[in-house]
N, C-alpha and C. Protein backbone atom coordinates (compact mmCIF):
# COMPACT_ATOMS: atom_id res chain seq x y z
N MET A 1 7.59 -17.04 -37.03
CA MET A 1 5.89 -17.77 -37.96
C MET A 1 5.24 -16.39 -38.39
N ASN A 2 4.79 -17.08 -39.22
CA ASN A 2 3.63 -16.38 -40.20
C ASN A 2 2.20 -16.39 -39.28
N ARG A 3 1.35 -15.59 -39.19
CA ARG A 3 0.08 -15.67 -38.68
C ARG A 3 -1.01 -15.57 -39.24
N GLY A 4 -0.38 -15.63 -40.73
CA GLY A 4 -1.53 -15.55 -41.96
C GLY A 4 -2.76 -14.75 -41.38
N ASN A 5 -4.21 -14.80 -41.80
CA ASN A 5 -5.50 -14.63 -41.25
C ASN A 5 -5.76 -14.70 -39.78
N ALA A 6 -4.65 -15.27 -39.05
CA ALA A 6 -5.46 -15.25 -37.41
C ALA A 6 -5.11 -13.61 -37.06
N SER A 7 -6.62 -13.59 -36.04
CA SER A 7 -6.66 -12.12 -35.00
C SER A 7 -6.49 -12.59 -33.81
N VAL A 8 -6.53 -14.43 -33.38
CA VAL A 8 -6.32 -14.75 -32.03
C VAL A 8 -4.83 -15.89 -32.15
N LEU A 9 -4.24 -15.65 -31.18
CA LEU A 9 -3.33 -16.70 -31.08
C LEU A 9 -3.52 -17.58 -29.92
N VAL A 10 -3.28 -18.84 -29.75
CA VAL A 10 -3.48 -19.79 -28.82
C VAL A 10 -2.65 -20.03 -27.95
N ALA A 11 -1.52 -20.04 -27.33
CA ALA A 11 -0.11 -20.67 -27.03
C ALA A 11 -0.22 -21.30 -25.75
N GLY A 12 0.15 -22.17 -25.92
CA GLY A 12 0.29 -23.46 -24.68
C GLY A 12 2.14 -23.12 -24.48
N VAL A 13 2.44 -23.12 -23.18
CA VAL A 13 3.68 -22.28 -22.47
C VAL A 13 4.01 -23.07 -21.40
N GLY A 14 5.11 -23.62 -20.99
CA GLY A 14 5.52 -24.51 -20.34
C GLY A 14 6.48 -25.55 -20.36
N ASN A 15 7.15 -26.04 -18.96
CA ASN A 15 8.13 -26.90 -19.57
C ASN A 15 7.84 -28.73 -19.45
N ILE A 16 8.18 -29.54 -20.34
CA ILE A 16 7.28 -30.61 -20.04
C ILE A 16 8.25 -31.59 -19.61
N PHE A 17 9.54 -31.57 -18.91
CA PHE A 17 10.40 -32.05 -17.87
C PHE A 17 10.21 -31.82 -16.50
N PHE A 18 8.81 -31.02 -16.22
CA PHE A 18 8.44 -30.52 -15.17
C PHE A 18 7.34 -30.94 -14.95
N SER A 19 6.92 -31.91 -14.84
CA SER A 19 5.46 -32.66 -14.54
C SER A 19 4.23 -31.24 -14.81
N ASP A 20 3.57 -31.18 -14.10
CA ASP A 20 2.18 -30.19 -14.40
C ASP A 20 3.13 -28.97 -15.19
N ASP A 21 3.70 -28.54 -14.93
CA ASP A 21 4.28 -27.33 -15.66
C ASP A 21 4.13 -27.70 -17.43
N GLY A 22 4.07 -28.76 -17.81
CA GLY A 22 3.89 -28.81 -19.46
C GLY A 22 2.40 -29.31 -19.57
N PHE A 23 1.57 -28.62 -18.79
CA PHE A 23 0.28 -28.21 -19.26
C PHE A 23 -0.21 -27.59 -20.31
N GLY A 24 0.17 -26.39 -20.44
CA GLY A 24 0.08 -25.71 -21.35
C GLY A 24 0.59 -26.19 -22.91
N VAL A 25 1.62 -26.90 -22.44
CA VAL A 25 2.01 -27.47 -23.51
C VAL A 25 1.52 -28.56 -24.25
N GLU A 26 0.86 -29.52 -23.36
CA GLU A 26 -0.31 -30.72 -23.86
C GLU A 26 -1.64 -30.15 -24.06
N VAL A 27 -2.15 -29.10 -23.51
CA VAL A 27 -3.56 -28.41 -24.13
C VAL A 27 -2.94 -28.06 -25.58
N ALA A 28 -2.51 -27.27 -25.77
CA ALA A 28 -2.02 -26.88 -27.20
C ALA A 28 -1.60 -27.93 -28.26
N ARG A 29 -1.46 -29.09 -27.51
CA ARG A 29 -0.85 -30.14 -28.79
C ARG A 29 -2.08 -30.98 -28.80
N ARG A 30 -3.19 -30.86 -28.27
CA ARG A 30 -4.39 -31.29 -28.08
C ARG A 30 -5.63 -30.48 -29.29
N LEU A 31 -5.27 -29.39 -28.93
CA LEU A 31 -6.08 -28.32 -29.43
C LEU A 31 -5.58 -28.10 -31.21
N VAL A 32 -4.57 -28.46 -31.49
CA VAL A 32 -4.18 -28.33 -32.65
C VAL A 32 -5.12 -29.58 -33.84
N GLY A 33 -4.93 -30.64 -32.97
CA GLY A 33 -6.14 -31.94 -33.33
C GLY A 33 -7.49 -31.32 -33.54
N GLU A 34 -8.06 -30.29 -33.29
CA GLU A 34 -9.47 -29.70 -32.98
C GLU A 34 -9.85 -28.89 -34.14
N ALA A 35 -10.74 -28.88 -34.48
CA ALA A 35 -11.45 -28.22 -35.73
C ALA A 35 -11.39 -26.87 -34.98
N LEU A 36 -10.77 -26.27 -35.60
CA LEU A 36 -11.10 -24.37 -35.16
C LEU A 36 -11.51 -23.30 -36.17
N LEU A 37 -11.88 -22.33 -35.60
CA LEU A 37 -11.93 -21.36 -36.83
C LEU A 37 -10.96 -21.04 -37.27
N ASP A 38 -11.10 -20.26 -38.46
CA ASP A 38 -9.76 -19.57 -39.63
C ASP A 38 -9.28 -18.47 -38.74
N HIS A 39 -9.90 -17.78 -37.87
CA HIS A 39 -8.94 -16.56 -37.21
C HIS A 39 -7.98 -16.99 -36.06
N VAL A 40 -7.79 -18.08 -35.78
CA VAL A 40 -7.46 -18.63 -34.80
C VAL A 40 -5.87 -19.54 -35.17
N ARG A 41 -4.99 -19.09 -34.16
CA ARG A 41 -3.90 -19.99 -34.05
C ARG A 41 -3.68 -20.38 -32.64
N VAL A 42 -3.36 -21.87 -33.28
CA VAL A 42 -2.36 -22.37 -31.67
C VAL A 42 -1.15 -23.04 -32.01
N ALA A 43 -0.18 -22.89 -30.97
CA ALA A 43 1.06 -22.66 -31.19
C ALA A 43 1.41 -23.17 -29.83
N ASP A 44 2.40 -24.48 -29.95
CA ASP A 44 3.07 -24.43 -28.45
C ASP A 44 4.81 -23.67 -28.44
N PHE A 45 4.65 -22.77 -27.19
CA PHE A 45 6.01 -22.09 -27.57
C PHE A 45 6.65 -23.01 -26.18
N GLY A 46 6.26 -23.95 -25.32
CA GLY A 46 7.62 -24.60 -24.64
C GLY A 46 7.98 -23.37 -23.82
N ILE A 47 9.27 -23.24 -23.91
CA ILE A 47 9.86 -22.18 -22.90
C ILE A 47 10.29 -21.20 -23.69
N ARG A 48 10.14 -20.81 -24.92
CA ARG A 48 10.93 -19.65 -25.40
C ARG A 48 9.96 -18.65 -25.37
N GLY A 49 10.57 -17.77 -24.35
CA GLY A 49 9.86 -16.63 -24.30
C GLY A 49 10.07 -15.49 -24.48
N VAL A 50 11.37 -15.41 -25.55
CA VAL A 50 11.66 -14.34 -26.24
C VAL A 50 10.82 -14.46 -27.74
N HIS A 51 11.05 -15.65 -28.26
CA HIS A 51 9.82 -16.06 -29.53
C HIS A 51 8.67 -15.90 -29.25
N LEU A 52 7.61 -15.86 -27.75
CA LEU A 52 6.57 -15.85 -27.85
C LEU A 52 6.41 -14.18 -27.85
N ALA A 53 7.39 -13.28 -27.02
CA ALA A 53 7.20 -12.33 -26.73
C ALA A 53 7.10 -11.52 -28.51
N TYR A 54 7.55 -11.41 -29.15
CA TYR A 54 7.69 -11.20 -30.47
C TYR A 54 6.38 -11.78 -30.98
N GLU A 55 6.15 -13.00 -31.41
CA GLU A 55 4.52 -13.52 -31.87
C GLU A 55 3.81 -12.80 -31.06
N MET A 56 3.82 -12.30 -30.21
CA MET A 56 2.77 -11.67 -29.21
C MET A 56 2.34 -10.34 -29.50
N LEU A 57 3.41 -9.70 -30.42
CA LEU A 57 3.20 -8.60 -30.85
C LEU A 57 3.14 -8.12 -32.63
N ALA A 58 2.85 -9.77 -33.23
CA ALA A 58 2.74 -9.87 -34.40
C ALA A 58 1.14 -9.15 -35.12
N GLY A 59 0.57 -8.80 -34.42
CA GLY A 59 -0.55 -7.98 -35.01
C GLY A 59 -1.99 -8.75 -34.93
N TYR A 60 -1.85 -9.48 -33.59
CA TYR A 60 -2.89 -10.67 -33.01
C TYR A 60 -3.78 -9.35 -32.04
N LYS A 61 -5.14 -9.65 -32.41
CA LYS A 61 -5.95 -8.68 -31.56
C LYS A 61 -6.09 -9.24 -30.34
N GLU A 62 -5.77 -10.75 -29.86
CA GLU A 62 -6.29 -11.30 -28.45
C GLU A 62 -4.96 -12.61 -28.29
N VAL A 63 -4.59 -13.07 -27.91
CA VAL A 63 -3.84 -13.97 -27.22
C VAL A 63 -3.98 -14.59 -25.86
N VAL A 64 -4.30 -15.61 -26.21
CA VAL A 64 -4.45 -16.62 -24.75
C VAL A 64 -3.51 -17.65 -24.58
N LEU A 65 -3.07 -17.32 -23.46
CA LEU A 65 -1.90 -18.46 -23.00
C LEU A 65 -2.65 -19.29 -22.17
N ILE A 66 -1.72 -20.65 -22.16
CA ILE A 66 -2.15 -21.48 -21.33
C ILE A 66 -1.10 -22.40 -20.17
N ASP A 67 -0.97 -21.80 -19.28
CA ASP A 67 -0.06 -22.38 -18.54
C ASP A 67 -0.59 -22.64 -17.00
N ALA A 68 0.75 -23.26 -16.13
CA ALA A 68 0.63 -24.06 -15.02
C ALA A 68 0.65 -22.70 -14.16
N VAL A 69 -0.62 -22.27 -13.59
CA VAL A 69 -0.29 -21.07 -12.57
C VAL A 69 -0.58 -21.35 -10.93
N PRO A 70 0.53 -21.37 -10.37
CA PRO A 70 0.18 -21.40 -8.85
C PRO A 70 -0.36 -20.35 -8.00
N ARG A 71 -1.62 -20.56 -7.89
CA ARG A 71 -2.53 -19.66 -7.27
C ARG A 71 -2.84 -20.26 -6.21
N GLY A 72 -2.48 -21.18 -5.50
CA GLY A 72 -3.49 -21.60 -4.08
C GLY A 72 -4.81 -22.49 -3.75
N GLY A 73 -5.17 -23.08 -4.87
CA GLY A 73 -6.15 -23.61 -5.03
C GLY A 73 -5.99 -25.16 -5.01
N SER A 74 -6.55 -25.74 -5.13
CA SER A 74 -6.42 -27.59 -5.57
C SER A 74 -5.91 -27.67 -6.92
N PRO A 75 -5.40 -28.32 -6.66
CA PRO A 75 -4.56 -29.26 -8.01
C PRO A 75 -5.58 -29.59 -9.16
N GLY A 76 -5.68 -29.11 -10.34
CA GLY A 76 -6.46 -29.50 -11.61
C GLY A 76 -7.68 -27.69 -11.46
N ASP A 77 -7.81 -27.39 -10.65
CA ASP A 77 -8.83 -25.95 -10.64
C ASP A 77 -8.16 -25.14 -11.55
N LEU A 78 -9.06 -24.60 -13.32
CA LEU A 78 -8.77 -23.57 -13.91
C LEU A 78 -8.85 -22.00 -13.64
N TYR A 79 -8.85 -21.44 -14.08
CA TYR A 79 -8.46 -20.02 -14.01
C TYR A 79 -8.21 -19.50 -15.31
N LEU A 80 -9.29 -18.18 -15.27
CA LEU A 80 -8.88 -16.82 -16.68
C LEU A 80 -8.30 -15.82 -15.56
N ILE A 81 -7.48 -15.63 -16.14
CA ILE A 81 -7.00 -14.25 -15.73
C ILE A 81 -6.51 -13.68 -16.93
N GLU A 82 -6.78 -12.27 -16.22
CA GLU A 82 -6.60 -10.93 -17.27
C GLU A 82 -5.30 -10.44 -16.96
N PRO A 83 -4.07 -10.32 -17.12
CA PRO A 83 -3.18 -9.88 -16.60
C PRO A 83 -2.80 -8.32 -16.50
N GLU A 84 -2.60 -7.75 -15.82
CA GLU A 84 -1.88 -6.48 -16.11
C GLU A 84 -0.52 -6.06 -16.66
N ILE A 85 -0.15 -6.04 -17.88
CA ILE A 85 1.06 -6.01 -18.55
C ILE A 85 1.88 -4.81 -18.39
N GLU A 86 0.94 -3.81 -17.63
CA GLU A 86 1.92 -2.29 -17.51
C GLU A 86 2.98 -2.31 -16.52
N LYS A 87 1.80 -3.52 -15.32
CA LYS A 87 2.69 -3.67 -14.39
C LYS A 87 3.68 -4.40 -13.87
N ALA A 88 3.85 -4.91 -15.09
CA ALA A 88 5.30 -6.27 -15.75
C ALA A 88 6.34 -5.39 -15.07
N ILE A 89 7.31 -5.90 -14.02
CA ILE A 89 8.71 -4.85 -14.00
C ILE A 89 9.54 -6.05 -13.75
N ALA A 90 9.31 -7.36 -14.07
CA ALA A 90 10.46 -8.06 -14.07
C ALA A 90 11.24 -7.86 -15.08
N THR A 91 12.44 -8.43 -14.86
CA THR A 91 13.40 -8.53 -15.95
C THR A 91 13.65 -9.08 -17.03
N PRO A 92 13.32 -8.34 -18.53
CA PRO A 92 13.46 -9.67 -19.62
C PRO A 92 14.19 -10.25 -19.57
N ASP A 93 14.16 -11.77 -19.71
CA ASP A 93 15.58 -12.68 -19.64
C ASP A 93 15.11 -14.09 -21.00
N ALA A 94 15.91 -13.86 -21.72
CA ALA A 94 15.87 -14.94 -22.68
C ALA A 94 16.15 -16.21 -22.33
N HIS A 95 16.35 -16.55 -20.93
CA HIS A 95 16.72 -18.08 -20.80
C HIS A 95 15.41 -18.64 -19.56
N THR A 96 14.47 -17.82 -19.60
CA THR A 96 13.36 -18.60 -18.43
C THR A 96 11.90 -18.15 -19.39
N MET A 97 10.83 -19.16 -19.00
CA MET A 97 9.62 -18.59 -19.72
C MET A 97 8.57 -18.07 -18.28
N GLU A 98 9.23 -17.54 -17.69
CA GLU A 98 8.46 -16.64 -16.36
C GLU A 98 7.40 -15.60 -17.73
N LEU A 99 6.21 -15.65 -17.28
CA LEU A 99 5.25 -14.83 -18.40
C LEU A 99 5.63 -13.34 -17.37
N GLN A 100 5.75 -12.98 -16.75
CA GLN A 100 6.21 -11.61 -16.38
C GLN A 100 7.64 -11.24 -17.12
N SER A 101 8.37 -11.82 -17.49
CA SER A 101 9.63 -11.72 -18.04
C SER A 101 9.54 -11.55 -19.57
N VAL A 102 8.10 -12.14 -19.98
CA VAL A 102 7.78 -11.83 -21.40
C VAL A 102 6.95 -10.84 -21.60
N PHE A 103 6.53 -10.23 -20.42
CA PHE A 103 5.81 -9.43 -20.67
C PHE A 103 6.52 -7.84 -20.54
N ALA A 104 7.78 -7.81 -19.94
CA ALA A 104 8.61 -7.47 -19.12
C ALA A 104 9.28 -7.22 -20.73
N PHE A 105 9.75 -7.82 -21.24
CA PHE A 105 10.64 -8.07 -22.86
C PHE A 105 9.15 -7.10 -23.58
N MET A 106 8.16 -7.48 -23.89
CA MET A 106 7.34 -6.85 -24.97
C MET A 106 7.24 -5.23 -24.53
N LYS A 107 7.22 -5.21 -23.47
CA LYS A 107 6.92 -3.34 -22.43
C LYS A 107 8.37 -3.09 -23.55
N THR A 108 9.82 -3.40 -23.54
CA THR A 108 11.23 -3.27 -23.53
C THR A 108 10.64 -2.85 -25.32
N LEU A 109 10.25 -4.01 -25.90
CA LEU A 109 10.22 -3.87 -27.55
C LEU A 109 9.28 -3.14 -28.11
N GLY A 110 8.19 -2.54 -27.21
CA GLY A 110 7.07 -1.15 -27.32
C GLY A 110 6.08 -2.00 -28.70
N GLY A 111 5.12 -1.51 -29.40
CA GLY A 111 4.46 -1.38 -30.25
C GLY A 111 2.46 -1.92 -29.65
N ASP A 112 1.93 -1.87 -30.84
CA ASP A 112 0.68 -2.63 -29.76
C ASP A 112 0.24 -3.79 -29.34
N PHE A 113 -0.37 -3.80 -27.93
CA PHE A 113 -0.76 -5.16 -27.02
C PHE A 113 -1.45 -5.73 -27.48
N PRO A 114 -1.49 -7.14 -27.80
CA PRO A 114 -2.99 -7.47 -27.89
C PRO A 114 -3.60 -7.93 -26.28
N ARG A 115 -4.72 -8.02 -26.70
CA ARG A 115 -5.27 -8.31 -25.23
C ARG A 115 -4.88 -9.76 -25.01
N ILE A 116 -4.80 -9.86 -23.91
CA ILE A 116 -4.12 -11.27 -23.26
C ILE A 116 -5.07 -11.88 -22.28
N ILE A 117 -5.26 -13.33 -22.32
CA ILE A 117 -5.99 -13.77 -21.27
C ILE A 117 -5.17 -14.99 -21.17
N ILE A 118 -4.95 -15.43 -19.96
CA ILE A 118 -4.41 -16.50 -19.46
C ILE A 118 -4.83 -17.28 -18.88
N VAL A 119 -5.14 -18.91 -19.32
CA VAL A 119 -5.96 -20.04 -18.99
C VAL A 119 -5.13 -20.89 -18.01
N GLY A 120 -5.20 -20.36 -16.75
CA GLY A 120 -4.22 -21.38 -15.79
C GLY A 120 -4.69 -22.21 -15.29
N CYS A 121 -4.01 -23.38 -15.04
CA CYS A 121 -4.14 -24.47 -13.99
C CYS A 121 -3.16 -24.66 -12.93
N GLU A 122 -4.15 -25.06 -11.63
CA GLU A 122 -3.34 -25.20 -10.49
C GLU A 122 -2.80 -26.61 -10.57
N PRO A 123 -1.04 -26.62 -10.43
CA PRO A 123 -0.13 -27.66 -10.64
C PRO A 123 -0.53 -28.35 -9.40
N ALA A 124 -0.30 -29.89 -9.40
CA ALA A 124 0.20 -30.41 -7.83
C ALA A 124 1.92 -30.53 -8.02
N CYS A 125 2.33 -30.26 -8.90
CA CYS A 125 3.88 -30.91 -8.78
C CYS A 125 4.43 -30.12 -10.08
N CYS A 126 5.32 -29.57 -9.87
CA CYS A 126 6.15 -29.47 -10.84
C CYS A 126 8.05 -29.72 -10.59
N ASP A 127 7.98 -30.85 -9.97
CA ASP A 127 9.40 -31.45 -9.97
C ASP A 127 9.31 -32.01 -11.05
N GLU A 128 11.06 -32.02 -11.65
CA GLU A 128 11.42 -32.83 -12.46
C GLU A 128 10.55 -34.12 -12.61
N GLY A 129 10.15 -34.60 -13.81
CA GLY A 129 9.13 -35.53 -14.48
C GLY A 129 8.62 -35.30 -15.36
N ILE A 130 8.40 -36.56 -16.22
CA ILE A 130 7.92 -36.16 -17.61
C ILE A 130 6.59 -36.75 -17.44
N GLY A 131 5.94 -35.88 -17.68
CA GLY A 131 3.40 -36.32 -17.36
C GLY A 131 3.22 -36.01 -16.60
N LEU A 132 1.96 -35.57 -16.73
CA LEU A 132 0.95 -34.70 -15.75
C LEU A 132 -0.03 -35.57 -14.54
N SER A 133 0.33 -34.79 -13.71
CA SER A 133 -0.29 -35.63 -12.52
C SER A 133 -1.84 -35.65 -12.85
N GLU A 134 -2.45 -36.59 -12.15
CA GLU A 134 -3.95 -37.01 -12.45
C GLU A 134 -5.14 -35.93 -12.51
N PRO A 135 -4.96 -34.90 -11.54
CA PRO A 135 -6.08 -33.73 -11.26
C PRO A 135 -5.67 -32.65 -12.74
N VAL A 136 -4.46 -32.65 -13.08
CA VAL A 136 -4.17 -31.83 -14.46
C VAL A 136 -4.28 -32.21 -15.42
N GLU A 137 -3.78 -33.73 -15.35
CA GLU A 137 -4.53 -34.75 -16.52
C GLU A 137 -6.10 -34.11 -17.10
N ARG A 138 -7.02 -34.92 -15.84
CA ARG A 138 -8.17 -34.67 -15.96
C ARG A 138 -8.50 -32.86 -16.71
N ALA A 139 -8.00 -31.93 -16.15
CA ALA A 139 -8.15 -30.78 -15.98
C ALA A 139 -7.83 -30.54 -17.85
N VAL A 140 -7.26 -31.11 -18.62
CA VAL A 140 -6.63 -30.46 -20.02
C VAL A 140 -7.71 -30.87 -20.70
N GLY A 141 -9.07 -31.65 -20.67
CA GLY A 141 -9.77 -31.92 -21.51
C GLY A 141 -11.09 -30.29 -21.02
N GLU A 142 -10.81 -30.09 -19.93
CA GLU A 142 -12.12 -29.22 -19.30
C GLU A 142 -10.86 -27.69 -19.77
N ALA A 143 -10.34 -27.72 -19.87
CA ALA A 143 -9.47 -26.35 -20.42
C ALA A 143 -9.51 -26.20 -22.21
N ILE A 144 -9.81 -27.40 -22.58
CA ILE A 144 -10.02 -27.17 -23.86
C ILE A 144 -11.46 -26.88 -24.19
N GLN A 145 -12.34 -27.21 -23.11
CA GLN A 145 -13.89 -26.90 -23.56
C GLN A 145 -13.60 -25.22 -23.15
N LEU A 146 -12.80 -24.90 -22.49
CA LEU A 146 -13.11 -23.42 -21.97
C LEU A 146 -12.62 -22.81 -22.67
N ILE A 147 -11.72 -23.21 -23.68
CA ILE A 147 -11.05 -22.27 -24.44
C ILE A 147 -11.98 -22.46 -25.56
N GLN A 148 -12.29 -23.39 -25.86
CA GLN A 148 -13.11 -23.47 -27.42
C GLN A 148 -14.61 -22.21 -27.16
N SER A 149 -15.29 -22.61 -25.63
CA SER A 149 -16.73 -21.89 -25.60
C SER A 149 -16.54 -20.41 -25.22
N ARG A 150 -15.73 -20.17 -24.53
CA ARG A 150 -15.10 -19.02 -24.07
C ARG A 150 -14.23 -17.84 -24.37
N VAL A 151 -13.73 -18.48 -25.79
CA VAL A 151 -12.50 -17.56 -25.75
C VAL A 151 -12.52 -17.82 -27.22
N ILE A 152 -12.39 -19.01 -28.17
CA ILE A 152 -11.63 -18.85 -29.71
C ILE A 152 -13.25 -18.75 -30.35
N ASN A 153 -14.45 -19.71 -29.77
CA ASN A 153 -15.81 -19.45 -30.48
C ASN A 153 -16.22 -18.12 -30.03
N LYS A 154 -16.07 -17.63 -29.53
CA LYS A 154 -16.81 -16.52 -28.82
C LYS A 154 -16.77 -15.17 -30.02
N ASN A 155 -17.68 -14.32 -30.02
CA ASN A 155 -17.16 -12.92 -30.84
C ASN A 155 -16.20 -12.28 -30.00
N HIS A 156 -15.04 -12.44 -30.78
CA HIS A 156 -13.87 -11.75 -30.32
C HIS A 156 -13.56 -10.35 -29.81
N GLU A 157 -14.52 -9.46 -30.48
CA GLU A 157 -14.49 -8.30 -30.33
C GLU A 157 -15.24 -7.91 -28.97
N GLU A 158 -15.84 -8.82 -28.70
CA GLU A 158 -16.61 -8.88 -27.15
C GLU A 158 -15.91 -8.57 -25.77
N LYS A 159 -16.17 -8.29 -24.76
CA LYS A 159 -15.15 -8.09 -23.43
C LYS A 159 -15.11 -9.64 -23.09
N LEU A 160 -14.32 -10.37 -22.93
CA LEU A 160 -14.54 -11.57 -21.94
C LEU A 160 -14.62 -10.95 -20.23
N GLN A 161 -15.40 -12.00 -19.55
CA GLN A 161 -16.02 -11.75 -18.22
C GLN A 161 -14.25 -12.77 -17.57
N CYS A 162 -13.75 -12.51 -17.40
CA CYS A 162 -12.42 -13.05 -16.23
C CYS A 162 -12.49 -13.29 -14.89
N VAL A 163 -13.23 -14.52 -14.42
CA VAL A 163 -13.08 -15.03 -13.33
C VAL A 163 -12.36 -16.36 -13.38
N GLU A 164 -12.24 -16.39 -11.53
CA GLU A 164 -11.37 -17.84 -11.05
C GLU A 164 -12.34 -18.71 -11.60
N LEU A 165 -12.04 -19.83 -11.86
CA LEU A 165 -12.88 -20.79 -12.19
C LEU A 165 -13.41 -22.14 -11.13
């Protein structure tokens, strides 16, 4: 994909066929319809981990990943996470979308890593099924507001304070 003048990539990831795992895809889909700044590119990567790894190394200053992230909270809880890429030890796998595998593949490829922020949502259910659970569906709008206010529209040179919400 051509990144154009974008310095920030907002990437929705997940599998829409596993209920709440489609959270990131749905947030990205809705963000595409929003008025965004010229330096921001929004894309749905679904389960294409290898593609995402290459795109993340395409010269962006910052990448915002949107995903379902089980951390033990209540369904629909949102988190801002700044992952430690250097510690990614998973084996790169072209057939999964585990973020640790994507990060490990990026390390294998080499190059300059962008700053990476994960906007995560606590899933209620990731069993087979299409559609988000009620609490995760409610969190979609909150995630869009979070991304717009704290990530996209901020001075993207500024250090973002990452905390669990």
